[in-house]
Amino acid sequence: MSSPAIRLLTALPALLLLLALSGATVHAEEDGEPTDRARRAAIKQLGKDLRKRARSPRAPRYKDEILKMLESLEVLGGAEAAEAALGGVALEDEEVRDRIFALVDKEHHEDLVKPLVALLEHRDYRRDFDLKQRIARSLSIMASTDAVEPLADLIRSDEDAHVVQAAADSLASYATAPLALRKEAVKRLVDVYTSTYNLMMSIRPEDRVIASKMKERYRIFARSLRSALQSLTGQQITRPQEWRKWWNENKKRNDW
């Protein structure tokens, strides 16, 4: 059975929902729109109930309620609503996550970088590769240099290949970031690009298994790594070893 608050949030139209949550003393503005205080109160309550439902052991049963709450947050709009919607990612459901990240991408406010990075660092989502890919893609449109470092942190040899691919694709959009930030990202990109290639090309019998795994990883993310490197450095180099040589010769330079 739904709680009274949940029933209220999912059943009322957005305007009535706002007014109900804001209390009887809150009045509409002259143009007919609810006050910002009412809107924020509604978002706060929706976020609280959304997190509770999505984290419940019975979360799949609450999917319809969760989607209705997300619909209300879409109506309310703004970065606060998008951040509140992120509470629903605990439910590993494609439709739910599509709705959440559609709202996040629509708002694409720099204030969303911090809560997105917090999800990347959350211990509960370390192996949630679908979520990591979605976050990496969203960070590409935030237009905040605060996204560069967490994206670079995903460029690792022990990370899922598709996550590395998504992070590299997103890093390519930060070609104008400060050089210091780009350098760390380029270092990681070069390391993964060259080490994966070297292991893939190994002919040692003892490397047969790892070489096969690296071949598949390389197939997934090589093009993305190369494109990110070209975007972040302005160089049109292609081969992994050429990138290693370029990095060794230019990593201490103050401009590229």
C-alpha atoms as a PDB file:
ATOM      1  CA  MET A   1       0.000   0.000   0.000  1.00  0.00           C
ATOM      2  CA  SER A   2       1.329   3.436  -0.898  1.00  0.00           C
ATOM      3  CA  SER A   3       1.874   5.948   1.854  1.00  0.00           C
ATOM      4  CA  PRO A   4      -0.408   9.021   1.856  1.00  0.00           C
ATOM      5  CA  ALA A   5       2.506  11.175   0.733  1.00  0.00           C
ATOM      6  CA  ILE A   6       3.266   8.890  -2.195  1.00  0.00           C
ATOM      7  CA  ARG A   7      -0.378   8.781  -3.251  1.00  0.00           C
ATOM      8  CA  LEU A   8      -0.551  12.556  -3.082  1.00  0.00           C
ATOM      9  CA  LEU A   9       2.623  13.048  -5.076  1.00  0.00           C
ATOM     10  CA  THR A  10       1.714  10.654  -7.838  1.00  0.00           C
ATOM     11  CA  ALA A  11      -1.964  11.497  -8.172  1.00  0.00           C
ATOM     12  CA  LEU A  12      -2.151  15.279  -8.141  1.00  0.00           C
ATOM     13  CA  PRO A  13      -1.374  17.486 -11.098  1.00  0.00           C
ATOM     14  CA  ALA A  14       1.879  19.386 -10.723  1.00  0.00           C
ATOM     15  CA  LEU A  15       0.251  22.643  -9.619  1.00  0.00           C
ATOM     16  CA  LEU A  16      -1.909  21.031  -6.938  1.00  0.00           C
ATOM     17  CA  LEU A  17       1.070  18.958  -5.838  1.00  0.00           C
ATOM     18  CA  LEU A  18       3.116  22.089  -5.310  1.00  0.00           C
ATOM     19  CA  LEU A  19       0.408  23.822  -3.339  1.00  0.00           C
ATOM     20  CA  ALA A  20      -0.327  20.771  -1.216  1.00  0.00           C
ATOM     21  CA  LEU A  21       3.310  20.338  -0.251  1.00  0.00           C
ATOM     22  CA  SER A  22       3.949  24.014   0.378  1.00  0.00           C
ATOM     23  CA  GLY A  23       1.127  24.391   2.876  1.00  0.00           C
ATOM     24  CA  ALA A  24      -1.952  26.564   3.029  1.00  0.00           C
ATOM     25  CA  THR A  25      -0.029  29.783   3.572  1.00  0.00           C
ATOM     26  CA  VAL A  26       1.773  29.640   0.212  1.00  0.00           C
ATOM     27  CA  HIS A  27       0.131  31.684  -2.540  1.00  0.00           C
ATOM     28  CA  ALA A  28       0.617  31.862  -6.281  1.00  0.00           C
ATOM     29  CA  GLU A  29       2.529  34.657  -7.949  1.00  0.00           C
ATOM     30  CA  GLU A  30       0.628  37.190 -10.040  1.00  0.00           C
ATOM     31  CA  ASP A  31       1.360  35.291 -13.263  1.00  0.00           C
ATOM     32  CA  GLY A  32      -0.291  32.172 -11.865  1.00  0.00           C
ATOM     33  CA  GLU A  33       2.921  30.182 -11.311  1.00  0.00           C
ATOM     34  CA  PRO A  34       3.571  28.679  -7.859  1.00  0.00           C
ATOM     35  CA  THR A  35       6.150  30.338  -5.677  1.00  0.00           C
ATOM     36  CA  ASP A  36       9.707  29.075  -5.781  1.00  0.00           C
ATOM     37  CA  ARG A  37       9.406  27.983  -2.159  1.00  0.00           C
ATOM     38  CA  ALA A  38       6.484  25.742  -3.049  1.00  0.00           C
ATOM     39  CA  ARG A  39       8.391  24.301  -5.975  1.00  0.00           C
ATOM     40  CA  ARG A  40      11.433  23.533  -3.861  1.00  0.00           C
ATOM     41  CA  ALA A  41       9.277  21.915  -1.185  1.00  0.00           C
ATOM     42  CA  ALA A  42       7.697  19.677  -3.788  1.00  0.00           C
ATOM     43  CA  ILE A  43      11.072  18.698  -5.233  1.00  0.00           C
ATOM     44  CA  LYS A  44      12.446  17.909  -1.781  1.00  0.00           C
ATOM     45  CA  GLN A  45       9.522  15.659  -0.918  1.00  0.00           C
ATOM     46  CA  LEU A  46       9.579  13.924  -4.288  1.00  0.00           C
ATOM     47  CA  GLY A  47      13.314  13.296  -3.984  1.00  0.00           C
ATOM     48  CA  LYS A  48      12.910  11.825  -0.515  1.00  0.00           C
ATOM     49  CA  ASP A  49      10.127   9.457  -1.535  1.00  0.00           C
ATOM     50  CA  LEU A  50      11.820   8.557  -4.803  1.00  0.00           C
ATOM     51  CA  ARG A  51      15.001   7.471  -3.022  1.00  0.00           C
ATOM     52  CA  LYS A  52      12.988   5.446  -0.535  1.00  0.00           C
ATOM     53  CA  ARG A  53      11.086   3.596  -3.238  1.00  0.00           C
ATOM     54  CA  ALA A  54      14.100   3.021  -5.512  1.00  0.00           C
ATOM     55  CA  ARG A  55      16.226   1.633  -2.669  1.00  0.00           C
ATOM     56  CA  SER A  56      13.523  -0.661  -1.368  1.00  0.00           C
ATOM     57  CA  PRO A  57      14.055  -4.425  -1.732  1.00  0.00           C
ATOM     58  CA  ARG A  58      10.708  -4.362  -3.518  1.00  0.00           C
ATOM     59  CA  ALA A  59      11.661  -1.493  -5.812  1.00  0.00           C
ATOM     60  CA  PRO A  60      10.579  -3.256  -9.068  1.00  0.00           C
ATOM     61  CA  ARG A  61       7.016  -3.384  -7.703  1.00  0.00           C
ATOM     62  CA  TYR A  62       7.079   0.383  -7.280  1.00  0.00           C
ATOM     63  CA  LYS A  63       8.208   1.114 -10.827  1.00  0.00           C
ATOM     64  CA  ASP A  64       4.933   2.784 -11.848  1.00  0.00           C
ATOM     65  CA  GLU A  65       5.029   5.049  -8.785  1.00  0.00           C
ATOM     66  CA  ILE A  66       8.659   5.882  -9.467  1.00  0.00           C
ATOM     67  CA  LEU A  67       7.857   6.823 -13.065  1.00  0.00           C
ATOM     68  CA  LYS A  68       5.012   9.063 -11.883  1.00  0.00           C
ATOM     69  CA  MET A  69       7.345  10.804  -9.446  1.00  0.00           C
ATOM     70  CA  LEU A  70       9.862  11.317 -12.232  1.00  0.00           C
ATOM     71  CA  GLU A  71       7.088  12.765 -14.376  1.00  0.00           C
ATOM     72  CA  SER A  72       6.327  15.271 -11.619  1.00  0.00           C
ATOM     73  CA  LEU A  73       9.985  16.222 -11.381  1.00  0.00           C
ATOM     74  CA  GLU A  74      10.071  16.751 -15.143  1.00  0.00           C
ATOM     75  CA  VAL A  75       7.175  19.192 -14.809  1.00  0.00           C
ATOM     76  CA  LEU A  76       8.861  21.037 -11.947  1.00  0.00           C
ATOM     77  CA  GLY A  77      12.143  21.230 -13.875  1.00  0.00           C
ATOM     78  CA  GLY A  78      15.445  22.836 -12.949  1.00  0.00           C
ATOM     79  CA  ALA A  79      18.737  21.507 -11.653  1.00  0.00           C
ATOM     80  CA  GLU A  80      17.204  20.734  -8.260  1.00  0.00           C
ATOM     81  CA  ALA A  81      14.602  18.475  -9.875  1.00  0.00           C
ATOM     82  CA  ALA A  82      17.261  16.706 -11.930  1.00  0.00           C
ATOM     83  CA  GLU A  83      19.369  16.120  -8.814  1.00  0.00           C
ATOM     84  CA  ALA A  84      16.342  14.769  -6.965  1.00  0.00           C
ATOM     85  CA  ALA A  85      15.652  12.424  -9.876  1.00  0.00           C
ATOM     86  CA  LEU A  86      19.103  10.864  -9.429  1.00  0.00           C
ATOM     87  CA  GLY A  87      17.757   9.222  -6.288  1.00  0.00           C
ATOM     88  CA  GLY A  88      15.979   6.779  -8.573  1.00  0.00           C
ATOM     89  CA  VAL A  89      19.126   5.253 -10.095  1.00  0.00           C
ATOM     90  CA  ALA A  90      19.174   2.621  -7.351  1.00  0.00           C
ATOM     91  CA  LEU A  91      16.519   0.801  -9.372  1.00  0.00           C
ATOM     92  CA  GLU A  92      18.394  -0.915 -12.206  1.00  0.00           C
ATOM     93  CA  ASP A  93      15.673  -0.480 -14.775  1.00  0.00           C
ATOM     94  CA  GLU A  94      16.334   0.820 -18.287  1.00  0.00           C
ATOM     95  CA  GLU A  95      13.128   2.828 -18.614  1.00  0.00           C
ATOM     96  CA  VAL A  96      13.567   4.461 -15.218  1.00  0.00           C
ATOM     97  CA  ARG A  97      17.186   5.369 -15.868  1.00  0.00           C
ATOM     98  CA  ASP A  98      16.361   6.661 -19.349  1.00  0.00           C
ATOM     99  CA  ARG A  99      13.850   9.074 -17.790  1.00  0.00           C
ATOM    100  CA  ILE A 100      16.287  10.151 -15.088  1.00  0.00           C
ATOM    101  CA  PHE A 101      19.148  10.939 -17.428  1.00  0.00           C
ATOM    102  CA  ALA A 102      16.883  12.553 -19.993  1.00  0.00           C
ATOM    103  CA  LEU A 103      16.020  15.096 -17.293  1.00  0.00           C
ATOM    104  CA  VAL A 104      19.655  15.444 -16.214  1.00  0.00           C
ATOM    105  CA  ASP A 105      20.752  16.053 -19.794  1.00  0.00           C
ATOM    106  CA  LYS A 106      17.921  18.483 -20.416  1.00  0.00           C
ATOM    107  CA  GLU A 107      18.977  20.629 -17.463  1.00  0.00           C
ATOM    108  CA  HIS A 108      22.768  20.054 -17.962  1.00  0.00           C
ATOM    109  CA  HIS A 109      23.609  22.500 -15.188  1.00  0.00           C
ATOM    110  CA  GLU A 110      27.076  22.603 -13.647  1.00  0.00           C
ATOM    111  CA  ASP A 111      25.479  22.082 -10.219  1.00  0.00           C
ATOM    112  CA  LEU A 112      24.758  18.515 -11.319  1.00  0.00           C
ATOM    113  CA  VAL A 113      28.440  17.604 -11.647  1.00  0.00           C
ATOM    114  CA  LYS A 114      28.919  17.090  -7.913  1.00  0.00           C
ATOM    115  CA  PRO A 115      25.983  14.672  -7.391  1.00  0.00           C
ATOM    116  CA  LEU A 116      26.923  12.768 -10.554  1.00  0.00           C
ATOM    117  CA  VAL A 117      30.520  12.368  -9.360  1.00  0.00           C
ATOM    118  CA  ALA A 118      29.247  11.295  -5.941  1.00  0.00           C
ATOM    119  CA  LEU A 119      27.424   8.426  -7.643  1.00  0.00           C
ATOM    120  CA  LEU A 120      30.615   7.433  -9.476  1.00  0.00           C
ATOM    121  CA  GLU A 121      32.423   7.266  -6.146  1.00  0.00           C
ATOM    122  CA  HIS A 122      29.631   5.504  -4.245  1.00  0.00           C
ATOM    123  CA  ARG A 123      30.626   2.014  -3.177  1.00  0.00           C
ATOM    124  CA  ASP A 124      27.229   0.607  -4.128  1.00  0.00           C
ATOM    125  CA  TYR A 125      27.789   1.479  -7.781  1.00  0.00           C
ATOM    126  CA  ARG A 126      31.413   0.455  -8.329  1.00  0.00           C
ATOM    127  CA  ARG A 127      30.353  -2.448 -10.545  1.00  0.00           C
ATOM    128  CA  ASP A 128      27.322  -0.736 -12.043  1.00  0.00           C
ATOM    129  CA  PHE A 129      28.784  -0.223 -15.510  1.00  0.00           C
ATOM    130  CA  ASP A 130      25.505   0.894 -17.052  1.00  0.00           C
ATOM    131  CA  LEU A 131      25.235   3.731 -14.540  1.00  0.00           C
ATOM    132  CA  LYS A 132      28.874   4.737 -15.028  1.00  0.00           C
ATOM    133  CA  GLN A 133      28.400   4.979 -18.785  1.00  0.00           C
ATOM    134  CA  ARG A 134      25.296   7.109 -18.366  1.00  0.00           C
ATOM    135  CA  ILE A 135      27.061   9.446 -15.952  1.00  0.00           C
ATOM    136  CA  ALA A 136      30.086   9.768 -18.228  1.00  0.00           C
ATOM    137  CA  ARG A 137      27.868  10.716 -21.156  1.00  0.00           C
ATOM    138  CA  SER A 138      25.988  13.284 -19.072  1.00  0.00           C
ATOM    139  CA  LEU A 139      29.206  14.878 -17.843  1.00  0.00           C
ATOM    140  CA  SER A 140      30.154  15.617 -21.442  1.00  0.00           C
ATOM    141  CA  ILE A 141      27.429  18.268 -21.739  1.00  0.00           C
ATOM    142  CA  MET A 142      27.800  19.967 -18.352  1.00  0.00           C
ATOM    143  CA  ALA A 143      30.299  22.518 -19.696  1.00  0.00           C
ATOM    144  CA  SER A 144      32.108  22.445 -16.343  1.00  0.00           C
ATOM    145  CA  THR A 145      35.811  21.753 -16.021  1.00  0.00           C
ATOM    146  CA  ASP A 146      34.986  20.069 -12.706  1.00  0.00           C
ATOM    147  CA  ALA A 147      33.962  17.083 -14.837  1.00  0.00           C
ATOM    148  CA  VAL A 148      37.413  16.555 -16.369  1.00  0.00           C
ATOM    149  CA  GLU A 149      39.115  14.959 -13.362  1.00  0.00           C
ATOM    150  CA  PRO A 150      36.348  12.419 -12.552  1.00  0.00           C
ATOM    151  CA  LEU A 151      36.157  11.484 -16.231  1.00  0.00           C
ATOM    152  CA  ALA A 152      39.923  10.983 -16.339  1.00  0.00           C
ATOM    153  CA  ASP A 153      39.644   8.753 -13.263  1.00  0.00           C
ATOM    154  CA  LEU A 154      37.546   6.347 -15.348  1.00  0.00           C
ATOM    155  CA  ILE A 155      40.371   5.864 -17.866  1.00  0.00           C
ATOM    156  CA  ARG A 156      41.911   2.820 -16.207  1.00  0.00           C
ATOM    157  CA  SER A 157      43.079  -0.619 -17.266  1.00  0.00           C
ATOM    158  CA  ASP A 158      40.921  -2.239 -14.586  1.00  0.00           C
ATOM    159  CA  GLU A 159      37.743  -0.405 -15.623  1.00  0.00           C
ATOM    160  CA  ASP A 160      35.041  -1.880 -17.850  1.00  0.00           C
ATOM    161  CA  ALA A 161      35.917  -1.261 -21.511  1.00  0.00           C
ATOM    162  CA  HIS A 162      32.589   0.377 -22.325  1.00  0.00           C
ATOM    163  CA  VAL A 163      32.953   2.736 -19.372  1.00  0.00           C
ATOM    164  CA  VAL A 164      36.424   3.704 -20.617  1.00  0.00           C
ATOM    165  CA  GLN A 165      34.955   4.304 -24.052  1.00  0.00           C
ATOM    166  CA  ALA A 166      32.178   6.553 -22.679  1.00  0.00           C
ATOM    167  CA  ALA A 167      34.628   8.501 -20.498  1.00  0.00           C
ATOM    168  CA  ALA A 168      36.997   9.060 -23.425  1.00  0.00           C
ATOM    169  CA  ASP A 169      34.150  10.243 -25.651  1.00  0.00           C
ATOM    170  CA  SER A 170      33.153  12.730 -22.967  1.00  0.00           C
ATOM    171  CA  LEU A 171      36.702  13.964 -22.400  1.00  0.00           C
ATOM    172  CA  ALA A 172      36.899  14.850 -26.087  1.00  0.00           C
ATOM    173  CA  SER A 173      34.381  17.640 -25.429  1.00  0.00           C
ATOM    174  CA  TYR A 174      36.762  19.411 -23.024  1.00  0.00           C
ATOM    175  CA  ALA A 175      39.378  20.563 -25.526  1.00  0.00           C
ATOM    176  CA  THR A 176      39.365  24.074 -24.033  1.00  0.00           C
ATOM    177  CA  ALA A 177      39.861  22.993 -20.416  1.00  0.00           C
ATOM    178  CA  PRO A 178      42.942  24.340 -18.585  1.00  0.00           C
ATOM    179  CA  LEU A 179      46.129  22.582 -19.659  1.00  0.00           C
ATOM    180  CA  ALA A 180      46.832  21.212 -16.178  1.00  0.00           C
ATOM    181  CA  LEU A 181      43.539  19.316 -16.226  1.00  0.00           C
ATOM    182  CA  ARG A 182      44.050  18.116 -19.776  1.00  0.00           C
ATOM    183  CA  LYS A 183      47.540  16.848 -18.981  1.00  0.00           C
ATOM    184  CA  GLU A 184      46.338  14.376 -16.380  1.00  0.00           C
ATOM    185  CA  ALA A 185      43.610  13.163 -18.714  1.00  0.00           C
ATOM    186  CA  VAL A 186      46.082  12.801 -21.609  1.00  0.00           C
ATOM    187  CA  LYS A 187      48.521  10.884 -19.399  1.00  0.00           C
ATOM    188  CA  ARG A 188      45.818   8.377 -18.498  1.00  0.00           C
ATOM    189  CA  LEU A 189      44.618   8.098 -22.093  1.00  0.00           C
ATOM    190  CA  VAL A 190      48.148   7.446 -23.361  1.00  0.00           C
ATOM    191  CA  ASP A 191      48.820   4.881 -20.621  1.00  0.00           C
ATOM    192  CA  VAL A 192      45.683   2.845 -21.351  1.00  0.00           C
ATOM    193  CA  TYR A 193      46.040   3.211 -25.124  1.00  0.00           C
ATOM    194  CA  THR A 194      49.658   2.025 -25.253  1.00  0.00           C
ATOM    195  CA  SER A 195      49.505  -0.645 -22.544  1.00  0.00           C
ATOM    196  CA  THR A 196      46.406  -2.244 -24.092  1.00  0.00           C
ATOM    197  CA  TYR A 197      48.011  -2.215 -27.526  1.00  0.00           C
ATOM    198  CA  ASN A 198      51.294  -3.697 -26.244  1.00  0.00           C
ATOM    199  CA  LEU A 199      49.562  -6.570 -24.477  1.00  0.00           C
ATOM    200  CA  MET A 200      47.306  -7.173 -27.455  1.00  0.00           C
ATOM    201  CA  MET A 201      50.336  -7.498 -29.734  1.00  0.00           C
ATOM    202  CA  SER A 202      52.361  -9.712 -27.406  1.00  0.00           C
ATOM    203  CA  ILE A 203      53.490 -12.993 -28.970  1.00  0.00           C
ATOM    204  CA  ARG A 204      54.700 -14.582 -25.744  1.00  0.00           C
ATOM    205  CA  PRO A 205      52.920 -17.887 -25.064  1.00  0.00           C
ATOM    206  CA  GLU A 206      52.219 -16.872 -21.467  1.00  0.00           C
ATOM    207  CA  ASP A 207      50.361 -13.763 -22.726  1.00  0.00           C
ATOM    208  CA  ARG A 208      47.981 -15.645 -25.001  1.00  0.00           C
ATOM    209  CA  VAL A 209      44.937 -15.300 -22.752  1.00  0.00           C
ATOM    210  CA  ILE A 210      45.548 -11.678 -21.781  1.00  0.00           C
ATOM    211  CA  ALA A 211      46.312 -10.779 -25.401  1.00  0.00           C
ATOM    212  CA  SER A 212      42.904 -12.061 -26.445  1.00  0.00           C
ATOM    213  CA  LYS A 213      41.194 -10.001 -23.731  1.00  0.00           C
ATOM    214  CA  MET A 214      43.164  -6.899 -24.669  1.00  0.00           C
ATOM    215  CA  LYS A 215      42.227  -7.329 -28.320  1.00  0.00           C
ATOM    216  CA  GLU A 216      38.547  -7.121 -27.399  1.00  0.00           C
ATOM    217  CA  ARG A 217      39.081  -4.117 -25.127  1.00  0.00           C
ATOM    218  CA  TYR A 218      41.101  -2.373 -27.821  1.00  0.00           C
ATOM    219  CA  ARG A 219      38.333  -2.988 -30.336  1.00  0.00           C
ATOM    220  CA  ILE A 220      35.831  -1.309 -28.010  1.00  0.00           C
ATOM    221  CA  PHE A 221      37.680   1.827 -26.968  1.00  0.00           C
ATOM    222  CA  ALA A 222      40.721   2.456 -29.219  1.00  0.00           C
ATOM    223  CA  ARG A 223      38.942   4.880 -31.548  1.00  0.00           C
ATOM    224  CA  SER A 224      37.505   6.816 -28.601  1.00  0.00           C
ATOM    225  CA  LEU A 225      40.885   7.044 -26.869  1.00  0.00           C
ATOM    226  CA  ARG A 226      42.517   8.283 -30.056  1.00  0.00           C
ATOM    227  CA  SER A 227      39.805  10.885 -30.686  1.00  0.00           C
ATOM    228  CA  ALA A 228      40.037  12.162 -27.112  1.00  0.00           C
ATOM    229  CA  LEU A 229      43.817  12.472 -27.370  1.00  0.00           C
ATOM    230  CA  GLN A 230      43.550  14.386 -30.625  1.00  0.00           C
ATOM    231  CA  SER A 231      40.919  16.722 -29.193  1.00  0.00           C
ATOM    232  CA  LEU A 232      42.732  17.427 -25.920  1.00  0.00           C
ATOM    233  CA  THR A 233      46.146  17.994 -27.525  1.00  0.00           C
ATOM    234  CA  GLY A 234      45.374  19.350 -30.986  1.00  0.00           C
ATOM    235  CA  GLN A 235      47.673  16.677 -32.468  1.00  0.00           C
ATOM    236  CA  GLN A 236      46.587  14.387 -35.308  1.00  0.00           C
ATOM    237  CA  ILE A 237      48.689  11.407 -34.224  1.00  0.00           C
ATOM    238  CA  THR A 238      47.144   7.948 -34.574  1.00  0.00           C
ATOM    239  CA  ARG A 239      49.435   5.073 -33.522  1.00  0.00           C
ATOM    240  CA  PRO A 240      49.778   4.216 -29.809  1.00  0.00           C
ATOM    241  CA  GLN A 241      53.568   4.251 -29.778  1.00  0.00           C
ATOM    242  CA  GLU A 242      53.618   7.600 -31.536  1.00  0.00           C
ATOM    243  CA  TRP A 243      51.411   8.956 -28.771  1.00  0.00           C
ATOM    244  CA  ARG A 244      53.809   7.595 -26.161  1.00  0.00           C
ATOM    245  CA  LYS A 245      56.711   9.322 -27.873  1.00  0.00           C
ATOM    246  CA  TRP A 246      54.792  12.590 -28.173  1.00  0.00           C
ATOM    247  CA  TRP A 247      53.761  12.489 -24.514  1.00  0.00           C
ATOM    248  CA  ASN A 248      57.321  11.864 -23.291  1.00  0.00           C
ATOM    249  CA  GLU A 249      58.531  14.827 -25.311  1.00  0.00           C
ATOM    250  CA  ASN A 250      55.717  17.245 -24.414  1.00  0.00           C
ATOM    251  CA  LYS A 251      54.407  16.402 -20.957  1.00  0.00           C
ATOM    252  CA  LYS A 252      56.428  19.168 -19.279  1.00  0.00           C
ATOM    253  CA  ARG A 253      55.598  21.882 -21.772  1.00  0.00           C
ATOM    254  CA  ASN A 254      53.459  24.830 -20.655  1.00  0.00           C
ATOM    255  CA  ASP A 255      51.516  24.925 -23.899  1.00  0.00           C
ATOM    256  CA  TRP A 256      50.530  22.494 -26.624  1.00  0.00           C
END
